[in-house]
């Protein structure tokens, strides 16, 4: 990450019906804010309800910043894309999306 400064990135999103799975609160839905912060070769990913104070860890965070995905800004975009894609359908309902498996992308 030579030449890159470890700064957080934030994006506002609207979740899909299944929401975003968090470690602390389970699935959260609606208007959300996503925050990423690179640290020690990993990208920490947190989410909160828009305008709220409390942040939650997105399930599957942190994700590695390795291989071709060394630019935290680019990886932030991939995280946002992942969290706004519909989750799998289980028993007729959309499941929450998470970052599980992003380490293998």
N, C-alpha and C. Protein backbone atom coordinates (compact mmCIF):
# COMPACT_ATOMS: atom_id res chain seq x y z
N UNK A 1 0.82 -1.18 0.00
CA UNK A 1 0.00 0.00 0.00
C UNK A 1 0.87 1.25 0.00
N UNK A 2 1.96 1.18 -0.64
CA UNK A 2 2.90 2.28 -0.70
C UNK A 2 2.23 3.52 -1.27
N UNK A 3 2.38 4.63 -0.59
CA UNK A 3 1.84 5.88 -1.06
C UNK A 3 0.38 6.10 -0.68
N UNK A 4 -0.27 5.11 -0.09
CA UNK A 4 -1.66 5.27 0.30
C UNK A 4 -1.75 5.57 1.79
N UNK A 5 -2.60 6.49 2.13
CA UNK A 5 -2.81 6.85 3.53
C UNK A 5 -4.01 6.06 4.04
N UNK A 6 -3.89 5.51 5.25
CA UNK A 6 -4.97 4.71 5.83
C UNK A 6 -6.07 5.65 6.34
N UNK A 7 -7.03 5.95 5.48
CA UNK A 7 -8.16 6.79 5.86
C UNK A 7 -9.44 6.02 5.61
N UNK A 8 -10.42 6.35 6.41
CA UNK A 8 -11.70 5.67 6.26
C UNK A 8 -12.43 6.19 5.03
N UNK A 9 -13.32 5.34 4.53
CA UNK A 9 -14.21 5.72 3.43
C UNK A 9 -15.63 5.43 3.89
N UNK A 10 -16.57 6.26 3.47
CA UNK A 10 -17.97 6.08 3.85
C UNK A 10 -18.87 6.20 2.63
N UNK A 11 -19.95 5.42 2.66
CA UNK A 11 -20.96 5.49 1.61
C UNK A 11 -22.33 5.28 2.22
N UNK A 12 -23.32 5.97 1.70
CA UNK A 12 -24.71 5.76 2.09
C UNK A 12 -25.33 4.77 1.12
N UNK A 13 -26.07 3.80 1.65
CA UNK A 13 -26.72 2.80 0.83
C UNK A 13 -28.15 2.59 1.34
N UNK A 14 -28.95 1.94 0.51
CA UNK A 14 -30.26 1.43 0.94
C UNK A 14 -30.15 -0.07 0.81
N UNK A 15 -30.42 -0.77 1.90
CA UNK A 15 -30.28 -2.23 1.88
C UNK A 15 -31.33 -2.86 0.99
N UNK A 16 -31.09 -4.07 0.60
CA UNK A 16 -32.12 -4.86 -0.07
C UNK A 16 -33.06 -5.39 1.01
N UNK A 17 -34.08 -6.11 0.62
CA UNK A 17 -35.10 -6.59 1.57
C UNK A 17 -34.51 -7.41 2.71
N UNK A 18 -33.48 -8.20 2.43
CA UNK A 18 -32.88 -9.05 3.46
C UNK A 18 -31.98 -8.31 4.42
N UNK A 19 -31.51 -7.14 4.04
CA UNK A 19 -30.67 -6.34 4.90
C UNK A 19 -29.20 -6.73 4.87
N UNK A 20 -28.46 -6.18 5.80
CA UNK A 20 -27.03 -6.44 5.97
C UNK A 20 -26.85 -7.14 7.31
N UNK A 21 -26.19 -8.28 7.31
CA UNK A 21 -25.99 -9.05 8.55
C UNK A 21 -24.83 -8.45 9.34
N UNK A 22 -25.08 -8.23 10.64
CA UNK A 22 -24.06 -7.72 11.54
C UNK A 22 -23.82 -8.72 12.67
N UNK A 23 -22.64 -8.64 13.27
CA UNK A 23 -22.30 -9.54 14.37
C UNK A 23 -23.09 -9.21 15.63
N UNK A 24 -23.34 -7.92 15.86
CA UNK A 24 -23.95 -7.50 17.11
C UNK A 24 -25.48 -7.47 17.10
N UNK A 25 -26.08 -7.08 15.98
CA UNK A 25 -27.52 -6.82 15.95
C UNK A 25 -28.30 -7.71 14.99
N UNK A 26 -27.62 -8.65 14.34
CA UNK A 26 -28.31 -9.43 13.31
C UNK A 26 -28.48 -8.58 12.06
N UNK A 27 -29.54 -8.84 11.31
CA UNK A 27 -29.77 -8.12 10.05
C UNK A 27 -30.35 -6.74 10.33
N UNK A 28 -29.79 -5.72 9.66
CA UNK A 28 -30.36 -4.39 9.72
C UNK A 28 -30.73 -3.97 8.31
N UNK A 29 -31.82 -3.22 8.18
CA UNK A 29 -32.36 -2.86 6.88
C UNK A 29 -32.64 -1.37 6.80
N UNK A 30 -32.83 -0.91 5.57
CA UNK A 30 -33.21 0.49 5.35
C UNK A 30 -32.05 1.32 4.88
N UNK A 31 -32.11 2.62 5.22
CA UNK A 31 -31.05 3.55 4.84
C UNK A 31 -29.90 3.37 5.81
N UNK A 32 -28.73 3.01 5.27
CA UNK A 32 -27.57 2.67 6.07
C UNK A 32 -26.35 3.46 5.62
N UNK A 33 -25.36 3.55 6.49
CA UNK A 33 -24.07 4.11 6.15
C UNK A 33 -23.02 3.04 6.36
N UNK A 34 -22.16 2.85 5.36
CA UNK A 34 -21.08 1.86 5.41
C UNK A 34 -19.76 2.61 5.60
N UNK A 35 -18.93 2.12 6.52
CA UNK A 35 -17.62 2.72 6.78
C UNK A 35 -16.56 1.63 6.68
N UNK A 36 -15.49 1.91 5.94
CA UNK A 36 -14.37 0.99 5.88
C UNK A 36 -13.11 1.71 6.34
N UNK A 37 -12.23 0.94 6.98
CA UNK A 37 -10.97 1.50 7.47
C UNK A 37 -9.88 0.45 7.31
N UNK A 38 -8.85 0.76 6.50
CA UNK A 38 -7.75 -0.19 6.34
C UNK A 38 -6.84 -0.17 7.56
N UNK A 39 -6.43 -1.37 7.98
CA UNK A 39 -5.52 -1.47 9.11
C UNK A 39 -4.77 -2.80 9.05
N UNK A 40 -3.46 -2.73 8.99
CA UNK A 40 -2.59 -3.91 9.04
C UNK A 40 -2.94 -4.95 7.99
N UNK A 41 -3.17 -4.51 6.75
CA UNK A 41 -3.45 -5.44 5.66
C UNK A 41 -4.88 -5.95 5.61
N UNK A 42 -5.74 -5.40 6.46
CA UNK A 42 -7.15 -5.81 6.50
C UNK A 42 -8.03 -4.58 6.32
N UNK A 43 -9.26 -4.81 5.90
CA UNK A 43 -10.23 -3.73 5.77
C UNK A 43 -11.37 -3.99 6.73
N UNK A 44 -11.45 -3.17 7.79
CA UNK A 44 -12.53 -3.27 8.76
C UNK A 44 -13.78 -2.66 8.13
N UNK A 45 -14.92 -3.34 8.26
CA UNK A 45 -16.16 -2.85 7.66
C UNK A 45 -17.23 -2.76 8.75
N UNK A 46 -17.81 -1.58 8.87
CA UNK A 46 -18.87 -1.34 9.85
C UNK A 46 -20.05 -0.69 9.13
N UNK A 47 -21.22 -0.80 9.76
CA UNK A 47 -22.44 -0.25 9.19
C UNK A 47 -23.29 0.31 10.32
N UNK A 48 -24.08 1.33 10.01
CA UNK A 48 -25.03 1.87 10.99
C UNK A 48 -26.24 2.40 10.24
N UNK A 49 -27.32 2.56 10.98
CA UNK A 49 -28.48 3.22 10.40
C UNK A 49 -28.08 4.67 10.10
N UNK A 50 -28.52 5.20 8.96
CA UNK A 50 -28.19 6.57 8.59
C UNK A 50 -28.59 7.52 9.70
N UNK A 51 -27.66 8.35 10.14
CA UNK A 51 -27.92 9.33 11.18
C UNK A 51 -27.78 8.82 12.60
N UNK A 52 -27.57 7.51 12.76
CA UNK A 52 -27.43 6.94 14.10
C UNK A 52 -25.99 7.09 14.60
N UNK A 53 -25.79 6.82 15.86
CA UNK A 53 -24.46 6.92 16.46
C UNK A 53 -23.73 5.58 16.48
N UNK A 54 -24.46 4.49 16.72
CA UNK A 54 -23.85 3.18 16.96
C UNK A 54 -23.50 2.46 15.66
N UNK A 55 -22.24 2.00 15.60
CA UNK A 55 -21.74 1.23 14.46
C UNK A 55 -21.79 -0.26 14.80
N UNK A 56 -22.04 -1.10 13.78
CA UNK A 56 -22.04 -2.55 13.92
C UNK A 56 -21.02 -3.14 12.96
N UNK A 57 -20.40 -4.23 13.37
CA UNK A 57 -19.46 -4.94 12.50
C UNK A 57 -20.24 -5.77 11.49
N UNK A 58 -19.94 -5.61 10.22
CA UNK A 58 -20.58 -6.42 9.19
C UNK A 58 -20.02 -7.84 9.29
N UNK A 59 -20.89 -8.82 9.29
CA UNK A 59 -20.45 -10.21 9.38
C UNK A 59 -19.51 -10.53 8.22
N UNK A 60 -18.36 -11.09 8.56
CA UNK A 60 -17.33 -11.39 7.57
C UNK A 60 -16.19 -10.38 7.58
N UNK A 61 -16.35 -9.28 8.33
CA UNK A 61 -15.29 -8.29 8.46
C UNK A 61 -14.32 -8.75 9.54
N UNK A 62 -13.04 -8.47 9.37
CA UNK A 62 -12.40 -7.71 8.30
C UNK A 62 -12.14 -8.58 7.08
N UNK A 63 -11.95 -7.92 5.94
CA UNK A 63 -11.59 -8.63 4.72
C UNK A 63 -10.14 -8.26 4.38
N UNK A 64 -9.40 -9.21 3.81
CA UNK A 64 -7.99 -8.95 3.53
C UNK A 64 -7.78 -7.99 2.37
N UNK A 65 -6.77 -7.16 2.51
CA UNK A 65 -6.30 -6.30 1.42
C UNK A 65 -5.05 -6.96 0.86
N UNK A 66 -5.24 -7.91 -0.03
CA UNK A 66 -4.11 -8.65 -0.57
C UNK A 66 -4.33 -8.94 -2.04
N UNK A 67 -3.31 -9.48 -2.66
CA UNK A 67 -3.41 -9.80 -4.08
C UNK A 67 -3.65 -8.54 -4.89
N UNK A 68 -4.63 -8.59 -5.78
CA UNK A 68 -4.93 -7.45 -6.64
C UNK A 68 -5.73 -6.38 -5.90
N UNK A 69 -6.30 -6.72 -4.75
CA UNK A 69 -7.15 -5.79 -4.01
C UNK A 69 -6.39 -5.10 -2.88
N UNK A 70 -5.36 -4.34 -3.24
CA UNK A 70 -4.56 -3.66 -2.22
C UNK A 70 -4.99 -2.22 -2.00
N UNK A 71 -5.76 -1.68 -2.90
CA UNK A 71 -6.20 -0.29 -2.78
C UNK A 71 -7.47 -0.25 -1.94
N UNK A 72 -7.41 0.32 -0.72
CA UNK A 72 -8.58 0.35 0.15
C UNK A 72 -9.78 1.07 -0.46
N UNK A 73 -9.53 2.08 -1.29
CA UNK A 73 -10.64 2.81 -1.92
C UNK A 73 -11.37 1.93 -2.91
N UNK A 74 -10.61 1.15 -3.66
CA UNK A 74 -11.22 0.23 -4.62
C UNK A 74 -11.98 -0.88 -3.89
N UNK A 75 -11.39 -1.39 -2.83
CA UNK A 75 -12.03 -2.44 -2.06
C UNK A 75 -13.30 -1.92 -1.38
N UNK A 76 -13.30 -0.65 -0.95
CA UNK A 76 -14.51 -0.05 -0.37
C UNK A 76 -15.65 -0.14 -1.39
N UNK A 77 -15.36 0.17 -2.63
CA UNK A 77 -16.38 0.08 -3.67
C UNK A 77 -16.90 -1.33 -3.85
N UNK A 78 -16.03 -2.31 -3.76
CA UNK A 78 -16.46 -3.71 -3.87
C UNK A 78 -17.31 -4.12 -2.69
N UNK A 79 -16.96 -3.63 -1.50
CA UNK A 79 -17.75 -3.92 -0.30
C UNK A 79 -19.16 -3.34 -0.45
N UNK A 80 -19.25 -2.09 -0.87
CA UNK A 80 -20.56 -1.45 -1.06
C UNK A 80 -21.38 -2.21 -2.09
N UNK A 81 -20.73 -2.59 -3.19
CA UNK A 81 -21.43 -3.38 -4.22
C UNK A 81 -21.97 -4.68 -3.64
N UNK A 82 -21.15 -5.35 -2.87
CA UNK A 82 -21.55 -6.62 -2.26
C UNK A 82 -22.74 -6.44 -1.31
N UNK A 83 -22.70 -5.39 -0.50
CA UNK A 83 -23.75 -5.18 0.50
C UNK A 83 -25.07 -4.68 -0.09
N UNK A 84 -25.04 -4.25 -1.34
CA UNK A 84 -26.28 -3.81 -1.98
C UNK A 84 -26.83 -4.84 -2.97
N UNK A 85 -26.18 -5.98 -3.06
CA UNK A 85 -26.70 -7.08 -3.89
C UNK A 85 -27.66 -7.91 -3.04
N UNK A 86 -28.76 -8.37 -3.62
CA UNK A 86 -29.69 -9.22 -2.86
C UNK A 86 -29.00 -10.47 -2.34
N UNK A 87 -29.37 -10.87 -1.13
CA UNK A 87 -28.86 -12.10 -0.55
C UNK A 87 -29.55 -13.30 -1.16
N UNK A 88 -29.12 -14.49 -0.82
CA UNK A 88 -29.75 -15.70 -1.34
C UNK A 88 -31.18 -15.84 -0.83
N UNK A 89 -32.02 -16.51 -1.61
CA UNK A 89 -33.40 -16.75 -1.19
C UNK A 89 -33.43 -18.05 -0.40
N UNK A 90 -33.96 -17.97 0.82
CA UNK A 90 -34.07 -19.13 1.70
C UNK A 90 -35.51 -19.24 2.17
N UNK A 91 -36.14 -20.37 1.88
CA UNK A 91 -37.54 -20.59 2.25
C UNK A 91 -38.45 -19.48 1.75
N UNK A 92 -38.17 -18.98 0.55
CA UNK A 92 -39.00 -17.95 -0.07
C UNK A 92 -38.70 -16.53 0.36
N UNK A 93 -37.73 -16.34 1.24
CA UNK A 93 -37.37 -15.00 1.71
C UNK A 93 -35.92 -14.69 1.40
N UNK A 94 -35.65 -13.43 1.11
CA UNK A 94 -34.28 -13.01 0.87
C UNK A 94 -33.51 -12.97 2.19
N UNK A 95 -32.39 -13.64 2.23
CA UNK A 95 -31.52 -13.62 3.42
C UNK A 95 -30.66 -12.36 3.40
N UNK A 96 -30.17 -11.99 4.56
CA UNK A 96 -29.28 -10.83 4.66
C UNK A 96 -27.98 -11.11 3.93
N UNK A 97 -27.39 -10.06 3.39
CA UNK A 97 -26.09 -10.18 2.75
C UNK A 97 -25.00 -9.93 3.79
N UNK A 98 -23.81 -10.44 3.53
CA UNK A 98 -22.69 -10.25 4.44
C UNK A 98 -21.41 -10.24 3.61
N UNK A 99 -20.30 -10.23 4.28
CA UNK A 99 -19.00 -10.25 3.60
C UNK A 99 -18.36 -11.63 3.65
N UNK A 100 -19.09 -12.62 4.11
CA UNK A 100 -18.54 -13.98 4.12
C UNK A 100 -18.12 -14.37 2.72
N UNK A 101 -16.92 -14.91 2.60
CA UNK A 101 -16.42 -15.36 1.31
C UNK A 101 -15.68 -14.30 0.52
N UNK A 102 -15.69 -13.05 0.98
CA UNK A 102 -14.96 -12.01 0.23
C UNK A 102 -13.47 -12.23 0.25
N UNK A 103 -12.99 -12.99 1.22
CA UNK A 103 -11.56 -13.28 1.27
C UNK A 103 -11.13 -14.22 0.15
N UNK A 104 -12.11 -14.82 -0.52
CA UNK A 104 -11.81 -15.74 -1.62
C UNK A 104 -12.07 -15.14 -2.98
N UNK A 105 -12.44 -13.86 -3.04
CA UNK A 105 -12.72 -13.22 -4.32
C UNK A 105 -11.48 -12.75 -5.00
